[in-house]
């Protein structure tokens, strides 16, 4: 009887220790630190550094893209195109929310289109138009702190006006 109690006690301690260790490992990811890094990196205007925020197999979905952008290399190409057209592009972050493994940013992107914008349909010539684009950016974060899924939402009409495609 004593041996059974001892075995059960040791098993319980082992189980509690394993569960506690699992909780500690899950909490190692500090989303506030990840969010700060995302904010700082986005405002560098460096497409290579920004693409480095994403996992190799990340997916980015945005209203200006005809289909989800898949993989870090394709995401890099997307950011290179944006910063070629809007080299002064910067972000102001209005609010940041955290939910599980997700960071939700409300932001405004600002820039002037002084360069050409490469699109799947061809190149759009510079318009010298200034753009203020209110955006909701939802980033699902992997355990190693990289963006695995980026879903951004903004009014594409504002973008199309700045590109001179609609009045």
Foldseek 3Di string as FASTA:
>chain_A
DVVVVVVVVVVVVVVVVVVVVVVVLLPPDDVVVLVVLQQVQQAVLDLVSNLVLADQFAWEDEPVAPDIQTGSVSSSVQSVLVCQQFVNKHKDWDDWDDDRQKIKTWIWIWGFGQHWHQDPVGIQGGDRAIAIWTKIWMFRADSVSHGRYIYMYTDVVRVCVSSVNDD
